[in-house]
Amino acid sequence: ALCRHRHRHHHHYPSGGCCWRRPILWTMFLLLLAAGRRTTTAFVLPRSASSSSSSWSRRGCSSSSSSSSLTTALSSCFISMDEALEKWQQQQQQQQQQQQQPFTMSIETSLQPDILKAAQLTAVYSTLYSLTFVNTLITKKRLLKQAQELGQEFDRYTSPDMHSADRLSANFLEWTPAFLGPLWALAVTNRMTTAATALAWTYLGLRGLYFGLVLTYGVTRSGMNRPLWAATFPAYACLVYLQVHALMLLFVVQ
């Protein structure tokens, strides 16, 4: 109508002045129409809306259903993450409780009988070996006191008493591997027989007898210490039996 009015009164407007406005008007109309479609698809129209807007309400419902399914998926994902976090926290608490619990397991239930026997024999043997150092210390202090009273110089390497004390400690040290080796080889493999256990305790008794004989008779530098033979040779027999017994049970009798 505006164009016709302008054509009628063309003396007010130049010729063809309205032709360039038509594409602009159509473009604005199409943009408004597209914007209206986008806005209507984002919202759900009420049921009381007109029939002309029914198609837009259907599109809104489809978009709302998709958003609800997305919300359900996200909620289930968060629930599974919460459950995993709670399970991890429970595992951490259980580990902390296990670390804080005291160790109350008894030796009788946690160790095999043969290992327990070997542990008892080792404890007694190590006690006897420790007493040899106590004897060395007492002997040295006694000899130092005597040398001071006599006004003499003390030399432990020329003193017979210090030689006996040193040989006592050295003798225990020399025979320790020969005793503990077969003993623990039998204990770990659960082959500690009654005879082996009895001979092991016999050997410890002979070691105690050797201790007393050295304190009584001493050890000469010549090597002929006949008073000590009463404990030395029976102890050798016990060690030989343990060695042969361990080799037989570990390599021959499987």
Protein backbone atom coordinates (compact mmCIF):
# COMPACT_ATOMS: atom_id res chain seq x y z
CA ALA A 1 0.00 0.00 0.00
CA LEU A 2 2.85 2.33 0.84
CA CYS A 3 4.42 1.63 -2.54
CA ARG A 4 1.13 2.28 -4.37
CA HIS A 5 0.71 5.48 -2.44
CA ARG A 6 4.24 6.45 -3.43
CA HIS A 7 3.55 5.57 -7.08
CA ARG A 8 0.45 7.71 -6.99
CA HIS A 9 2.40 10.57 -5.58
CA HIS A 10 5.56 9.93 -7.51
CA HIS A 11 6.27 13.58 -7.65
CA HIS A 12 7.19 13.38 -3.93
CA TYR A 13 9.52 10.24 -4.42
CA PRO A 14 11.93 9.50 -7.18
CA SER A 15 11.08 6.71 -9.63
CA GLY A 16 11.83 3.17 -8.27
CA GLY A 17 12.47 4.42 -4.75
CA CYS A 18 10.49 1.65 -3.03
CA CYS A 19 12.02 -1.28 -4.88
CA TRP A 20 15.10 -1.51 -2.64
CA ARG A 21 12.93 -1.71 0.52
CA ARG A 22 11.09 -4.93 -0.46
CA PRO A 23 14.06 -7.36 0.02
CA ILE A 24 14.76 -5.78 3.40
CA LEU A 25 11.17 -6.26 4.54
CA TRP A 26 11.11 -9.91 3.40
CA THR A 27 14.42 -10.59 5.11
CA MET A 28 13.18 -9.10 8.41
CA PHE A 29 9.99 -11.16 8.14
CA LEU A 30 11.91 -14.41 7.63
CA LEU A 31 14.26 -13.65 10.54
CA LEU A 32 11.33 -12.98 12.86
CA LEU A 33 9.69 -16.20 11.76
CA ALA A 34 12.86 -18.25 12.42
CA ALA A 35 13.33 -16.62 15.82
CA GLY A 36 9.75 -17.39 16.70
CA ARG A 37 10.21 -21.07 15.86
CA ARG A 38 13.34 -21.31 18.01
CA THR A 39 11.69 -19.70 21.01
CA THR A 40 8.59 -21.83 20.77
CA THR A 41 10.58 -25.09 20.69
CA ALA A 42 12.28 -24.16 23.98
CA PHE A 43 9.06 -23.96 25.96
CA VAL A 44 6.01 -26.19 26.37
CA LEU A 45 2.71 -24.46 25.59
CA PRO A 46 -0.27 -25.09 27.87
CA ARG A 47 -3.11 -27.42 26.82
CA SER A 48 -5.50 -24.51 26.48
CA ALA A 49 -3.49 -23.02 23.61
CA SER A 50 -4.99 -22.60 20.17
CA SER A 51 -4.95 -25.32 17.55
CA SER A 52 -2.54 -23.31 15.43
CA SER A 53 0.18 -23.73 18.07
CA SER A 54 -0.36 -27.47 18.60
CA SER A 55 2.61 -28.40 16.41
CA TRP A 56 4.92 -26.17 18.43
CA SER A 57 3.72 -27.75 21.68
CA ARG A 58 4.57 -31.20 20.33
CA ARG A 59 8.10 -30.02 19.58
CA GLY A 60 8.36 -28.57 23.06
CA CYS A 61 7.27 -31.84 24.59
CA SER A 62 9.90 -33.75 22.63
CA SER A 63 12.59 -31.37 23.82
CA SER A 64 11.40 -31.68 27.43
CA SER A 65 11.43 -35.48 27.22
CA SER A 66 15.00 -35.44 25.92
CA SER A 67 16.03 -33.08 28.71
CA SER A 68 14.39 -35.34 31.30
CA SER A 69 16.26 -38.39 29.96
CA LEU A 70 19.49 -36.41 30.11
CA THR A 71 18.72 -35.43 33.71
CA THR A 72 18.04 -39.08 34.60
CA ALA A 73 21.35 -40.18 33.06
CA LEU A 74 23.26 -37.47 34.91
CA SER A 75 21.59 -38.34 38.23
CA SER A 76 22.40 -42.05 37.81
CA CYS A 77 26.00 -41.12 36.99
CA PHE A 78 26.28 -38.99 40.12
CA ILE A 79 24.71 -41.78 42.22
CA SER A 80 27.24 -44.30 40.93
CA MET A 81 30.07 -41.86 41.68
CA ASP A 82 28.75 -41.41 45.24
CA GLU A 83 28.57 -45.17 45.75
CA ALA A 84 32.13 -45.62 44.49
CA LEU A 85 33.33 -42.84 46.80
CA GLU A 86 31.59 -44.41 49.81
CA LYS A 87 33.05 -47.82 49.00
CA TRP A 88 36.56 -46.32 48.74
CA GLN A 89 36.12 -44.55 52.08
CA GLN A 90 35.00 -47.80 53.72
CA GLN A 91 38.07 -49.60 52.35
CA GLN A 92 40.33 -46.87 53.71
CA GLN A 93 38.71 -47.11 57.14
CA GLN A 94 39.11 -50.89 57.18
CA GLN A 95 42.80 -50.59 56.29
CA GLN A 96 43.33 -48.05 59.07
CA GLN A 97 41.58 -50.30 61.58
CA GLN A 98 43.70 -53.28 60.55
CA GLN A 99 46.88 -51.23 60.96
CA GLN A 100 45.80 -50.02 64.40
CA GLN A 101 44.93 -53.49 65.68
CA PRO A 102 47.70 -54.96 67.88
CA PHE A 103 49.50 -58.14 66.91
CA THR A 104 48.06 -60.75 69.27
CA MET A 105 48.85 -63.98 67.43
CA SER A 106 50.63 -66.45 69.68
CA ILE A 107 53.84 -68.21 68.69
CA GLU A 108 52.32 -71.65 69.13
CA THR A 109 49.62 -70.99 66.50
CA SER A 110 51.70 -68.98 64.03
CA LEU A 111 54.79 -71.21 63.87
CA GLN A 112 55.31 -74.84 63.09
CA PRO A 113 56.41 -77.05 66.00
CA ASP A 114 59.82 -77.72 64.45
CA ILE A 115 60.51 -74.02 63.98
CA LEU A 116 59.53 -73.36 67.57
CA LYS A 117 61.97 -76.03 68.79
CA ALA A 118 64.78 -74.57 66.69
CA ALA A 119 64.01 -71.08 67.99
CA GLN A 120 64.22 -72.30 71.60
CA LEU A 121 67.54 -74.04 70.95
CA THR A 122 68.92 -70.95 69.24
CA ALA A 123 67.88 -68.71 72.14
CA VAL A 124 69.67 -70.93 74.67
CA TYR A 125 72.79 -71.17 72.50
CA SER A 126 72.97 -67.41 71.98
CA THR A 127 72.64 -66.91 75.74
CA LEU A 128 75.63 -69.18 76.39
CA TYR A 129 77.62 -67.34 73.72
CA SER A 130 76.77 -63.99 75.31
CA LEU A 131 77.97 -65.25 78.69
CA THR A 132 81.43 -65.82 77.20
CA PHE A 133 81.75 -62.03 76.68
CA VAL A 134 80.68 -61.44 80.25
CA ASN A 135 83.41 -63.86 81.36
CA THR A 136 85.97 -61.98 79.22
CA LEU A 137 85.01 -58.64 80.76
CA ILE A 138 85.13 -59.95 84.34
CA THR A 139 88.47 -61.65 83.77
CA LYS A 140 90.01 -58.52 82.27
CA LYS A 141 88.86 -56.30 85.15
CA ARG A 142 90.21 -58.79 87.69
CA LEU A 143 93.59 -58.98 86.00
CA LEU A 144 93.82 -55.19 85.65
CA LYS A 145 93.18 -54.80 89.36
CA GLN A 146 95.82 -57.37 90.22
CA ALA A 147 98.38 -55.67 87.95
CA GLN A 148 97.71 -52.29 89.58
CA GLU A 149 98.13 -53.75 93.07
CA LEU A 150 101.43 -55.37 92.10
CA GLY A 151 102.60 -52.35 90.17
CA GLN A 152 103.01 -54.34 86.98
CA GLU A 153 101.98 -53.65 83.40
CA PHE A 154 99.02 -55.66 82.15
CA ASP A 155 99.31 -57.41 78.77
CA ARG A 156 96.25 -59.39 77.80
CA TYR A 157 98.03 -61.31 75.03
CA THR A 158 100.58 -62.83 77.41
CA SER A 159 98.18 -63.52 80.30
CA PRO A 160 97.10 -67.21 80.61
CA ASP A 161 93.73 -66.28 82.10
CA MET A 162 92.93 -63.88 79.25
CA HIS A 163 93.98 -66.55 76.78
CA SER A 164 91.47 -68.97 78.30
CA ALA A 165 88.70 -66.37 78.20
CA ASP A 166 89.45 -65.49 74.58
CA ARG A 167 89.56 -69.15 73.54
CA LEU A 168 86.20 -69.77 75.20
CA SER A 169 84.53 -67.06 73.11
CA ALA A 170 86.34 -68.13 69.96
CA ASN A 171 85.38 -71.78 70.42
CA PHE A 172 81.67 -70.92 70.66
CA LEU A 173 81.97 -68.71 67.58
CA GLU A 174 83.78 -71.37 65.57
CA TRP A 175 81.16 -74.06 66.10
CA THR A 176 78.07 -71.88 65.74
CA PRO A 177 77.55 -72.45 61.96
CA ALA A 178 78.11 -76.20 62.34
CA PHE A 179 75.30 -76.35 64.91
CA LEU A 180 72.74 -73.80 63.65
CA GLY A 181 73.10 -74.81 59.97
CA PRO A 182 71.66 -78.35 60.13
CA LEU A 183 69.34 -77.37 62.97
CA TRP A 184 67.48 -74.76 60.92
CA ALA A 185 67.67 -76.82 57.74
CA LEU A 186 65.69 -79.54 59.50
CA ALA A 187 63.31 -77.12 61.21
CA VAL A 188 62.33 -75.13 58.12
CA THR A 189 61.63 -78.28 56.09
CA ASN A 190 59.62 -79.81 58.96
CA ARG A 191 62.03 -82.74 59.35
CA MET A 192 63.05 -82.19 62.95
CA THR A 193 62.80 -85.71 64.31
CA THR A 194 62.74 -86.68 67.96
CA ALA A 195 66.31 -87.99 67.84
CA ALA A 196 67.58 -84.76 66.24
CA THR A 197 65.83 -82.67 68.87
CA ALA A 198 67.27 -84.77 71.70
CA LEU A 199 70.80 -84.58 70.32
CA ALA A 200 70.49 -80.81 69.82
CA TRP A 201 69.60 -80.35 73.48
CA THR A 202 72.42 -82.74 74.42
CA TYR A 203 74.84 -80.59 72.46
CA LEU A 204 73.73 -77.50 74.38
CA GLY A 205 74.31 -79.35 77.65
CA LEU A 206 77.80 -80.28 76.52
CA ARG A 207 78.46 -76.65 75.59
CA GLY A 208 77.51 -75.64 79.11
CA LEU A 209 79.82 -78.34 80.49
CA TYR A 210 82.64 -77.03 78.28
CA PHE A 211 82.04 -73.56 79.70
CA GLY A 212 82.46 -74.81 83.24
CA LEU A 213 85.54 -76.88 82.43
CA VAL A 214 87.28 -73.88 80.83
CA LEU A 215 86.55 -71.75 83.90
CA THR A 216 87.94 -74.50 86.10
CA TYR A 217 90.98 -75.79 84.21
CA GLY A 218 91.61 -73.10 81.60
CA VAL A 219 93.01 -73.58 78.10
CA THR A 220 96.73 -74.19 77.60
CA ARG A 221 98.60 -72.88 74.59
CA SER A 222 99.94 -76.35 73.75
CA GLY A 223 96.49 -77.56 72.66
CA MET A 224 96.51 -80.67 74.83
CA ASN A 225 93.62 -79.87 77.13
CA ARG A 226 92.61 -83.30 78.35
CA PRO A 227 90.20 -82.05 81.02
CA LEU A 228 88.13 -80.53 78.24
CA TRP A 229 87.82 -83.72 76.23
CA ALA A 230 84.89 -84.87 78.31
CA ALA A 231 82.79 -82.17 76.69
CA THR A 232 84.59 -81.77 73.37
CA PHE A 233 84.37 -85.22 71.77
CA PRO A 234 80.72 -85.94 72.69
CA ALA A 235 79.84 -82.54 71.28
CA TYR A 236 81.61 -83.48 68.03
CA ALA A 237 79.50 -86.65 67.84
CA CYS A 238 76.28 -84.66 68.22
CA LEU A 239 77.28 -82.29 65.42
CA VAL A 240 78.23 -85.15 63.10
CA TYR A 241 74.86 -86.81 63.67
CA LEU A 242 72.97 -83.59 62.96
CA GLN A 243 74.92 -82.98 59.77
CA VAL A 244 74.45 -86.50 58.42
CA HIS A 245 70.79 -86.59 59.50
CA ALA A 246 70.06 -83.32 57.68
CA LEU A 247 71.80 -84.45 54.49
CA MET A 248 69.99 -87.78 54.50
CA LEU A 249 66.54 -86.28 54.99
CA LEU A 250 67.03 -83.39 52.56
CA PHE A 251 68.76 -85.19 49.67
CA VAL A 252 68.32 -88.97 50.02
CA VAL A 253 65.01 -89.61 51.77
CA GLN A 254 62.47 -87.32 50.08
